[in-house]
């Protein structure tokens, strides 16, 4: 059984924007290598890298940019996010305890997501499902547009014939 390595396409315009300065493909490849990534392909627009599954932050270009900023001495440490007390509740039924013994929920407000942001999130989500979640056997992540769902939420196990949902993307 061959075990794959997660890969990420680093768009140079996006990466340069996140770093705050223009980066050539060779410079991006050099930084990626210095961070322990394997450079697989280099083009004018992007650099494809493979990364260690022990670095889930590398599943998204923002995590890679953050690590590159640290390497370059531009910004050190992880950002600190402020959390407010929950105003939305999620009730977890016992029917999911065997499959999902733990659940965490978050509402992120004040973001304006463009189509490419959503694509990046979905790609990162899929890598995390595979690498961390063991093909969703251990961990599964759901992204939802809060304007299209109505709280409070209930998390429960249901039969396959009862499921209705349209995946993002």
N, C-alpha and C. Protein backbone atom coordinates (compact mmCIF):
# COMPACT_ATOMS: atom_id res chain seq x y z
N UNK A 1 0.84 -1.18 0.00
CA UNK A 1 0.00 0.00 0.00
C UNK A 1 0.89 1.25 0.00
N UNK A 2 0.73 2.07 -1.01
CA UNK A 2 1.53 3.29 -1.12
C UNK A 2 0.84 4.42 -0.37
N UNK A 3 1.61 5.10 0.45
CA UNK A 3 1.07 6.23 1.20
C UNK A 3 1.55 7.50 0.52
N UNK A 4 0.61 8.35 0.15
CA UNK A 4 0.95 9.59 -0.54
C UNK A 4 1.37 10.68 0.42
N UNK A 5 1.83 11.74 -0.17
CA UNK A 5 2.24 12.93 0.59
C UNK A 5 1.36 14.07 0.13
N UNK A 6 0.84 14.87 1.05
CA UNK A 6 -0.01 15.99 0.63
C UNK A 6 0.79 17.02 -0.17
N UNK A 7 0.11 17.62 -1.14
CA UNK A 7 0.75 18.61 -2.01
C UNK A 7 -0.07 19.89 -2.02
N UNK A 8 0.59 20.98 -2.35
CA UNK A 8 -0.06 22.29 -2.40
C UNK A 8 0.53 23.09 -3.55
N UNK A 9 -0.35 23.71 -4.33
CA UNK A 9 0.07 24.60 -5.41
C UNK A 9 0.15 26.01 -4.83
N UNK A 10 1.33 26.60 -4.82
CA UNK A 10 1.53 27.94 -4.29
C UNK A 10 1.46 28.95 -5.43
N UNK A 11 0.35 29.66 -5.54
CA UNK A 11 0.21 30.70 -6.55
C UNK A 11 1.11 31.87 -6.16
N UNK A 12 2.01 32.26 -7.06
CA UNK A 12 3.02 33.27 -6.71
C UNK A 12 2.43 34.65 -6.45
N UNK A 13 1.40 35.04 -7.18
CA UNK A 13 0.76 36.34 -6.92
C UNK A 13 0.14 36.35 -5.53
N UNK A 14 -0.56 35.28 -5.20
CA UNK A 14 -1.22 35.18 -3.89
C UNK A 14 -0.17 35.14 -2.78
N UNK A 15 0.86 34.34 -2.98
CA UNK A 15 1.91 34.22 -1.97
C UNK A 15 2.62 35.56 -1.76
N UNK A 16 2.93 36.24 -2.86
CA UNK A 16 3.57 37.56 -2.76
C UNK A 16 2.69 38.54 -2.02
N UNK A 17 1.39 38.48 -2.29
CA UNK A 17 0.44 39.36 -1.61
C UNK A 17 0.44 39.10 -0.10
N UNK A 18 0.46 37.84 0.28
CA UNK A 18 0.46 37.47 1.69
C UNK A 18 1.77 37.87 2.38
N UNK A 19 2.87 37.81 1.64
CA UNK A 19 4.17 38.16 2.21
C UNK A 19 4.43 39.66 2.21
N UNK A 20 3.70 40.37 1.36
CA UNK A 20 3.89 41.82 1.29
C UNK A 20 5.03 42.26 0.39
N UNK A 21 5.58 41.33 -0.38
CA UNK A 21 6.61 41.68 -1.37
C UNK A 21 6.62 40.62 -2.47
N UNK A 22 7.00 41.06 -3.66
CA UNK A 22 6.99 40.15 -4.81
C UNK A 22 8.06 39.08 -4.66
N UNK A 23 7.67 37.87 -5.04
CA UNK A 23 8.54 36.71 -4.90
C UNK A 23 8.63 36.02 -6.26
N UNK A 24 9.83 35.68 -6.69
CA UNK A 24 9.98 34.91 -7.93
C UNK A 24 9.71 33.43 -7.62
N UNK A 25 9.52 32.65 -8.67
CA UNK A 25 9.29 31.22 -8.49
C UNK A 25 10.49 30.57 -7.81
N UNK A 26 11.69 30.97 -8.22
CA UNK A 26 12.90 30.39 -7.61
C UNK A 26 13.02 30.76 -6.13
N UNK A 27 12.69 32.00 -5.80
CA UNK A 27 12.73 32.43 -4.39
C UNK A 27 11.71 31.67 -3.56
N UNK A 28 10.50 31.49 -4.11
CA UNK A 28 9.46 30.74 -3.40
C UNK A 28 9.90 29.29 -3.21
N UNK A 29 10.49 28.70 -4.24
CA UNK A 29 10.96 27.32 -4.15
C UNK A 29 12.07 27.18 -3.09
N UNK A 30 12.96 28.16 -3.06
CA UNK A 30 14.05 28.13 -2.07
C UNK A 30 13.51 28.23 -0.64
N UNK A 31 12.55 29.13 -0.43
CA UNK A 31 11.94 29.27 0.90
C UNK A 31 11.19 28.00 1.28
N UNK A 32 10.44 27.43 0.32
CA UNK A 32 9.70 26.19 0.59
C UNK A 32 10.66 25.08 0.99
N UNK A 33 11.77 24.95 0.28
CA UNK A 33 12.78 23.94 0.61
C UNK A 33 13.35 24.17 2.01
N UNK A 34 13.60 25.44 2.34
CA UNK A 34 14.14 25.76 3.67
C UNK A 34 13.15 25.40 4.78
N UNK A 35 11.86 25.35 4.43
CA UNK A 35 10.83 24.97 5.40
C UNK A 35 10.60 23.46 5.43
N UNK A 36 11.39 22.72 4.66
CA UNK A 36 11.28 21.26 4.67
C UNK A 36 10.31 20.69 3.66
N UNK A 37 9.83 21.52 2.75
CA UNK A 37 8.92 21.05 1.71
C UNK A 37 9.73 20.54 0.53
N UNK A 38 9.15 19.62 -0.19
CA UNK A 38 9.76 19.10 -1.41
C UNK A 38 9.16 19.85 -2.59
N UNK A 39 9.99 20.49 -3.39
CA UNK A 39 9.50 21.24 -4.55
C UNK A 39 9.34 20.26 -5.71
N UNK A 40 8.12 20.17 -6.23
CA UNK A 40 7.81 19.21 -7.28
C UNK A 40 7.79 19.84 -8.67
N UNK A 41 7.26 21.05 -8.77
CA UNK A 41 7.16 21.74 -10.07
C UNK A 41 7.32 23.23 -9.86
N UNK A 42 7.94 23.87 -10.84
CA UNK A 42 8.07 25.33 -10.82
C UNK A 42 7.61 25.86 -12.17
N UNK A 43 6.71 26.84 -12.14
CA UNK A 43 6.28 27.51 -13.37
C UNK A 43 6.33 29.02 -13.12
N UNK A 44 5.98 29.79 -14.12
CA UNK A 44 5.98 31.25 -13.96
C UNK A 44 4.93 31.70 -12.95
N UNK A 45 3.82 30.96 -12.84
CA UNK A 45 2.71 31.37 -11.97
C UNK A 45 2.70 30.71 -10.61
N UNK A 46 3.34 29.54 -10.50
CA UNK A 46 3.20 28.81 -9.24
C UNK A 46 4.36 27.87 -8.98
N UNK A 47 4.38 27.40 -7.74
CA UNK A 47 5.34 26.37 -7.32
C UNK A 47 4.52 25.29 -6.63
N UNK A 48 4.66 24.05 -7.10
CA UNK A 48 3.96 22.93 -6.46
C UNK A 48 4.91 22.29 -5.46
N UNK A 49 4.42 22.14 -4.23
CA UNK A 49 5.24 21.56 -3.17
C UNK A 49 4.52 20.40 -2.51
N UNK A 50 5.29 19.48 -1.98
CA UNK A 50 4.76 18.43 -1.11
C UNK A 50 5.24 18.77 0.29
N UNK A 51 4.38 18.52 1.27
CA UNK A 51 4.74 18.89 2.64
C UNK A 51 4.52 17.72 3.59
N UNK A 52 5.20 17.79 4.72
CA UNK A 52 5.11 16.76 5.74
C UNK A 52 3.72 16.76 6.37
N UNK A 53 3.07 15.60 6.45
CA UNK A 53 1.75 15.53 7.08
C UNK A 53 1.73 16.03 8.52
N UNK A 54 2.90 16.10 9.17
CA UNK A 54 2.96 16.63 10.54
C UNK A 54 2.85 18.15 10.58
N UNK A 55 2.69 18.78 9.42
CA UNK A 55 2.56 20.24 9.34
C UNK A 55 1.20 20.58 8.72
N UNK A 56 0.11 20.37 9.44
CA UNK A 56 -1.21 20.67 8.86
C UNK A 56 -1.37 22.14 8.50
N UNK A 57 -0.56 23.03 9.09
CA UNK A 57 -0.62 24.45 8.73
C UNK A 57 -0.18 24.67 7.28
N UNK A 58 0.56 23.73 6.72
CA UNK A 58 0.99 23.84 5.32
C UNK A 58 -0.09 23.38 4.34
N UNK A 59 -1.25 22.99 4.84
CA UNK A 59 -2.34 22.59 3.94
C UNK A 59 -2.97 23.80 3.27
N UNK A 60 -2.61 25.00 3.70
CA UNK A 60 -3.19 26.24 3.16
C UNK A 60 -2.07 27.23 2.89
N UNK A 61 -2.18 27.97 1.82
CA UNK A 61 -1.15 28.94 1.44
C UNK A 61 -0.91 29.99 2.54
N UNK A 62 -1.93 30.30 3.33
CA UNK A 62 -1.76 31.26 4.42
C UNK A 62 -0.80 30.70 5.48
N UNK A 63 -0.91 29.41 5.78
CA UNK A 63 0.01 28.79 6.73
C UNK A 63 1.44 28.76 6.21
N UNK A 64 1.59 28.50 4.91
CA UNK A 64 2.92 28.51 4.30
C UNK A 64 3.50 29.92 4.35
N UNK A 65 2.68 30.92 4.00
CA UNK A 65 3.14 32.31 4.03
C UNK A 65 3.54 32.72 5.44
N UNK A 66 2.77 32.29 6.44
CA UNK A 66 3.10 32.62 7.83
C UNK A 66 4.46 32.03 8.21
N UNK A 67 4.70 30.78 7.80
CA UNK A 67 6.00 30.15 8.10
C UNK A 67 7.13 30.86 7.36
N UNK A 68 6.88 31.27 6.12
CA UNK A 68 7.89 32.00 5.35
C UNK A 68 8.19 33.35 5.99
N UNK A 69 7.16 34.02 6.50
CA UNK A 69 7.37 35.29 7.20
C UNK A 69 8.27 35.09 8.41
N UNK A 70 8.07 34.00 9.12
CA UNK A 70 8.92 33.70 10.27
C UNK A 70 10.35 33.44 9.85
N UNK A 71 10.51 32.66 8.78
CA UNK A 71 11.83 32.35 8.27
C UNK A 71 12.58 33.60 7.82
N UNK A 72 11.84 34.54 7.24
CA UNK A 72 12.43 35.80 6.76
C UNK A 72 12.56 36.85 7.87
N UNK A 73 12.03 36.53 9.06
CA UNK A 73 12.08 37.47 10.18
C UNK A 73 11.11 38.63 10.04
N UNK A 74 10.10 38.47 9.18
CA UNK A 74 9.12 39.54 8.98
C UNK A 74 8.06 39.56 10.07
N UNK A 75 7.70 38.38 10.54
CA UNK A 75 6.63 38.26 11.55
C UNK A 75 6.84 36.94 12.27
N UNK A 76 6.96 36.99 13.57
CA UNK A 76 7.22 35.78 14.33
C UNK A 76 6.02 35.37 15.16
N UNK A 77 5.84 34.07 15.32
CA UNK A 77 4.76 33.55 16.15
C UNK A 77 3.43 33.48 15.43
N UNK A 78 2.53 32.78 16.03
CA UNK A 78 1.19 32.63 15.47
C UNK A 78 0.33 33.82 15.87
N UNK A 79 -0.63 34.17 15.02
CA UNK A 79 -1.51 35.28 15.39
C UNK A 79 -2.40 34.89 16.57
N UNK A 80 -2.82 35.87 17.31
CA UNK A 80 -3.73 35.63 18.44
C UNK A 80 -5.11 36.11 18.03
N UNK A 81 -6.05 35.19 18.09
CA UNK A 81 -7.42 35.52 17.72
C UNK A 81 -8.23 35.71 18.99
N UNK A 82 -9.18 36.61 18.95
CA UNK A 82 -10.06 36.83 20.10
C UNK A 82 -11.36 36.08 19.88
N UNK A 83 -11.78 35.40 20.92
CA UNK A 83 -13.05 34.68 20.86
C UNK A 83 -14.04 35.34 21.80
N UNK A 84 -15.26 35.45 21.34
CA UNK A 84 -16.33 36.01 22.16
C UNK A 84 -17.20 34.86 22.66
N UNK A 85 -17.93 35.07 23.75
CA UNK A 85 -18.84 34.02 24.23
C UNK A 85 -19.83 33.62 23.13
N UNK A 86 -20.15 32.35 23.11
CA UNK A 86 -21.05 31.82 22.07
C UNK A 86 -22.45 32.40 22.18
N UNK A 87 -22.99 32.77 21.04
CA UNK A 87 -24.38 33.21 20.97
C UNK A 87 -25.23 32.18 20.23
N UNK A 88 -24.55 31.25 19.59
CA UNK A 88 -25.22 30.19 18.84
C UNK A 88 -24.88 28.87 19.52
N UNK A 89 -25.85 28.00 19.63
CA UNK A 89 -25.61 26.72 20.29
C UNK A 89 -25.73 25.56 19.31
N UNK A 90 -25.01 24.49 19.64
CA UNK A 90 -25.10 23.24 18.90
C UNK A 90 -25.35 22.14 19.92
N UNK A 91 -26.44 21.43 19.74
CA UNK A 91 -26.77 20.31 20.62
C UNK A 91 -26.25 19.04 19.96
N UNK A 92 -25.51 18.23 20.71
CA UNK A 92 -24.93 17.00 20.19
C UNK A 92 -25.68 15.83 20.79
N UNK A 93 -26.29 15.02 19.93
CA UNK A 93 -27.03 13.85 20.41
C UNK A 93 -26.08 12.68 20.65
N UNK A 94 -26.47 11.82 21.56
CA UNK A 94 -25.68 10.65 21.90
C UNK A 94 -25.48 9.69 20.73
N UNK A 95 -26.33 9.78 19.71
CA UNK A 95 -26.24 8.88 18.57
C UNK A 95 -24.93 9.02 17.79
N UNK A 96 -24.20 10.10 17.98
CA UNK A 96 -22.94 10.29 17.26
C UNK A 96 -21.71 9.99 18.11
N UNK A 97 -21.91 9.66 19.37
CA UNK A 97 -20.79 9.49 20.29
C UNK A 97 -19.75 8.48 19.80
N UNK A 98 -20.17 7.35 19.23
CA UNK A 98 -19.21 6.34 18.78
C UNK A 98 -18.42 6.78 17.55
N UNK A 99 -19.04 7.55 16.69
CA UNK A 99 -18.36 7.99 15.46
C UNK A 99 -17.61 9.29 15.65
N UNK A 100 -18.18 10.20 16.39
CA UNK A 100 -17.57 11.52 16.62
C UNK A 100 -17.68 11.85 18.11
N UNK A 101 -16.75 11.32 18.93
CA UNK A 101 -16.84 11.56 20.37
C UNK A 101 -16.57 13.02 20.77
N UNK A 102 -15.97 13.79 19.87
CA UNK A 102 -15.68 15.20 20.16
C UNK A 102 -16.17 16.06 19.01
N UNK A 103 -16.61 17.25 19.33
CA UNK A 103 -17.05 18.19 18.31
C UNK A 103 -16.65 19.59 18.75
N UNK A 104 -16.26 20.38 17.81
CA UNK A 104 -15.94 21.79 18.07
C UNK A 104 -16.60 22.61 16.98
N UNK A 105 -17.11 23.76 17.35
CA UNK A 105 -17.77 24.64 16.39
C UNK A 105 -17.23 26.05 16.55
N UNK A 106 -17.23 26.78 15.47
CA UNK A 106 -16.81 28.18 15.52
C UNK A 106 -17.59 28.96 14.48
N UNK A 107 -17.87 30.19 14.80
CA UNK A 107 -18.46 31.12 13.84
C UNK A 107 -17.42 32.21 13.61
N UNK A 108 -17.07 32.39 12.37
CA UNK A 108 -16.10 33.43 12.01
C UNK A 108 -16.86 34.52 11.27
N UNK A 109 -16.78 35.71 11.80
CA UNK A 109 -17.52 36.83 11.20
C UNK A 109 -16.55 37.87 10.64
N UNK A 110 -17.09 38.69 9.77
CA UNK A 110 -16.32 39.82 9.25
C UNK A 110 -15.37 39.47 8.13
N UNK A 111 -15.55 38.31 7.51
CA UNK A 111 -14.69 37.93 6.39
C UNK A 111 -15.44 38.16 5.08
N UNK A 112 -14.71 38.59 4.10
CA UNK A 112 -15.27 38.68 2.76
C UNK A 112 -14.51 37.64 1.93
N UNK A 113 -15.18 36.57 1.58
CA UNK A 113 -14.53 35.49 0.86
C UNK A 113 -14.80 35.60 -0.63
N UNK A 114 -13.73 35.66 -1.40
CA UNK A 114 -13.83 35.60 -2.85
C UNK A 114 -13.83 34.13 -3.25
N UNK A 115 -14.12 33.85 -4.50
CA UNK A 115 -14.17 32.47 -4.99
C UNK A 115 -12.85 31.73 -4.74
N UNK A 116 -11.72 32.41 -4.96
CA UNK A 116 -10.43 31.73 -4.76
C UNK A 116 -10.19 31.41 -3.29
N UNK A 117 -10.72 32.25 -2.37
CA UNK A 117 -10.60 31.94 -0.94
C UNK A 117 -11.33 30.63 -0.63
N UNK A 118 -12.54 30.52 -1.18
CA UNK A 118 -13.33 29.31 -0.95
C UNK A 118 -12.62 28.08 -1.52
N UNK A 119 -12.05 28.22 -2.71
CA UNK A 119 -11.31 27.10 -3.31
C UNK A 119 -10.12 26.71 -2.42
N UNK A 120 -9.41 27.70 -1.91
CA UNK A 120 -8.28 27.42 -1.01
C UNK A 120 -8.75 26.70 0.25
N UNK A 121 -9.85 27.17 0.82
CA UNK A 121 -10.38 26.54 2.04
C UNK A 121 -10.80 25.10 1.79
N UNK A 122 -11.47 24.87 0.67
CA UNK A 122 -11.94 23.52 0.35
C UNK A 122 -10.75 22.59 0.11
N UNK A 123 -9.73 23.06 -0.60
CA UNK A 123 -8.53 22.24 -0.81
C UNK A 123 -7.84 21.91 0.50
N UNK A 124 -7.72 22.90 1.38
CA UNK A 124 -7.11 22.67 2.69
C UNK A 124 -7.95 21.69 3.50
N UNK A 125 -9.27 21.87 3.44
CA UNK A 125 -10.19 20.98 4.15
C UNK A 125 -10.00 19.54 3.68
N UNK A 126 -9.90 19.33 2.38
CA UNK A 126 -9.72 17.98 1.85
C UNK A 126 -8.39 17.37 2.29
N UNK A 127 -7.32 18.17 2.26
CA UNK A 127 -6.03 17.66 2.74
C UNK A 127 -6.10 17.29 4.21
N UNK A 128 -6.76 18.12 5.01
CA UNK A 128 -6.89 17.82 6.44
C UNK A 128 -7.76 16.59 6.68
N UNK A 129 -8.81 16.42 5.87
CA UNK A 129 -9.62 15.19 5.98
C UNK A 129 -8.75 13.97 5.74
N UNK A 130 -7.88 14.06 4.77
CA UNK A 130 -7.04 12.93 4.39
C UNK A 130 -5.90 12.72 5.38
N UNK A 131 -5.14 13.77 5.67
CA UNK A 131 -3.93 13.65 6.48
C UNK A 131 -4.24 13.49 7.96
N UNK A 132 -4.99 14.42 8.52
CA UNK A 132 -5.28 14.40 9.95
C UNK A 132 -6.46 13.49 10.25
N UNK A 133 -7.47 13.56 9.39
CA UNK A 133 -8.71 12.83 9.64
C UNK A 133 -8.73 11.39 9.21
N UNK A 134 -7.62 10.92 8.60
CA UNK A 134 -7.56 9.53 8.13
C UNK A 134 -8.76 9.21 7.24
N UNK A 135 -8.92 10.01 6.18
CA UNK A 135 -10.05 9.87 5.26
C UNK A 135 -11.39 10.00 5.98
N UNK A 136 -11.47 10.94 6.88
CA UNK A 136 -12.67 11.30 7.65
C UNK A 136 -13.05 10.26 8.71
N UNK A 137 -12.21 9.24 8.92
CA UNK A 137 -12.54 8.26 9.95
C UNK A 137 -12.33 8.84 11.35
N UNK A 138 -11.37 9.76 11.49
CA UNK A 138 -11.06 10.35 12.80
C UNK A 138 -11.57 11.78 12.93
N UNK A 139 -11.48 12.54 11.86
CA UNK A 139 -11.85 13.95 11.89
C UNK A 139 -12.56 14.31 10.59
N UNK A 140 -13.59 15.11 10.71
CA UNK A 140 -14.27 15.66 9.53
C UNK A 140 -14.53 17.13 9.80
N UNK A 141 -14.40 17.92 8.76
CA UNK A 141 -14.57 19.37 8.89
C UNK A 141 -15.71 19.80 7.98
N UNK A 142 -16.58 20.64 8.52
CA UNK A 142 -17.66 21.19 7.71
C UNK A 142 -17.56 22.70 7.67
N UNK A 143 -17.72 23.25 6.49
CA UNK A 143 -17.77 24.71 6.31
C UNK A 143 -19.18 25.06 5.85
N UNK A 144 -19.77 26.03 6.50
CA UNK A 144 -21.15 26.40 6.16
C UNK A 144 -21.30 27.91 6.13
N UNK A 145 -22.13 28.38 5.24
CA UNK A 145 -22.46 29.79 5.14
C UNK A 145 -23.56 30.06 6.16
N UNK A 146 -23.24 30.81 7.20
CA UNK A 146 -24.19 31.06 8.29
C UNK A 146 -25.45 31.78 7.83
N UNK A 147 -25.37 32.49 6.72
CA UNK A 147 -26.56 33.19 6.21
C UNK A 147 -27.55 32.22 5.57
N UNK A 148 -27.13 30.96 5.38
CA UNK A 148 -28.00 29.99 4.71
C UNK A 148 -28.47 28.86 5.62
N UNK A 149 -28.14 28.95 6.90
CA UNK A 149 -28.58 27.94 7.87
C UNK A 149 -29.19 28.66 9.07
N UNK A 150 -30.00 27.93 9.82
CA UNK A 150 -30.71 28.56 10.94
C UNK A 150 -30.36 27.85 12.25
N UNK A 151 -29.72 28.58 13.18
CA UNK A 151 -29.43 28.00 14.50
C UNK A 151 -30.70 27.96 15.34
N UNK A 152 -30.72 27.23 16.43
CA UNK A 152 -29.65 26.39 16.97
C UNK A 152 -29.48 25.13 16.11
N UNK A 153 -28.32 24.51 16.23
CA UNK A 153 -28.00 23.35 15.41
C UNK A 153 -28.05 22.08 16.26
N UNK A 154 -28.35 20.97 15.59
CA UNK A 154 -28.34 19.66 16.24
C UNK A 154 -27.43 18.76 15.42
N UNK A 155 -26.49 18.12 16.10
CA UNK A 155 -25.57 17.19 15.46
C UNK A 155 -26.00 15.80 15.88
N UNK A 156 -26.42 14.98 14.91
CA UNK A 156 -26.93 13.65 15.24
C UNK A 156 -26.65 12.68 14.10
N UNK A 157 -26.72 11.41 14.40
CA UNK A 157 -26.56 10.37 13.38
C UNK A 157 -27.92 10.11 12.75
N UNK A 158 -27.92 10.02 11.43
CA UNK A 158 -29.16 9.71 10.70
C UNK A 158 -28.85 8.68 9.64
N UNK A 159 -29.90 8.05 9.13
CA UNK A 159 -29.74 7.07 8.06
C UNK A 159 -29.38 7.76 6.75
N UNK A 160 -28.74 7.02 5.85
CA UNK A 160 -28.35 7.59 4.57
C UNK A 160 -29.54 8.13 3.78
N UNK A 161 -30.69 7.51 3.94
CA UNK A 161 -31.88 7.96 3.21
C UNK A 161 -32.44 9.28 3.76
N UNK A 162 -31.94 9.73 4.90
CA UNK A 162 -32.41 10.98 5.51
C UNK A 162 -31.50 12.17 5.24
N UNK A 163 -30.39 11.94 4.56
CA UNK A 163 -29.40 13.01 4.36
C UNK A 163 -29.74 13.81 3.11
N UNK A 164 -29.71 15.15 3.29
CA UNK A 164 -29.87 16.08 2.16
C UNK A 164 -28.88 17.21 2.36
N UNK A 165 -27.93 17.32 1.47
CA UNK A 165 -27.05 18.48 1.53
C UNK A 165 -26.37 18.67 0.18
N UNK A 166 -26.01 19.91 -0.07
CA UNK A 166 -25.32 20.25 -1.31
C UNK A 166 -23.92 20.72 -0.92
N UNK A 167 -22.88 19.99 -1.37
CA UNK A 167 -21.52 20.38 -1.00
C UNK A 167 -21.12 21.72 -1.61
N UNK A 168 -20.25 22.46 -0.90
CA UNK A 168 -19.73 23.72 -1.42
C UNK A 168 -18.83 23.44 -2.62
N UNK A 169 -18.67 24.45 -3.46
CA UNK A 169 -17.73 24.35 -4.57
C UNK A 169 -18.38 23.76 -5.75
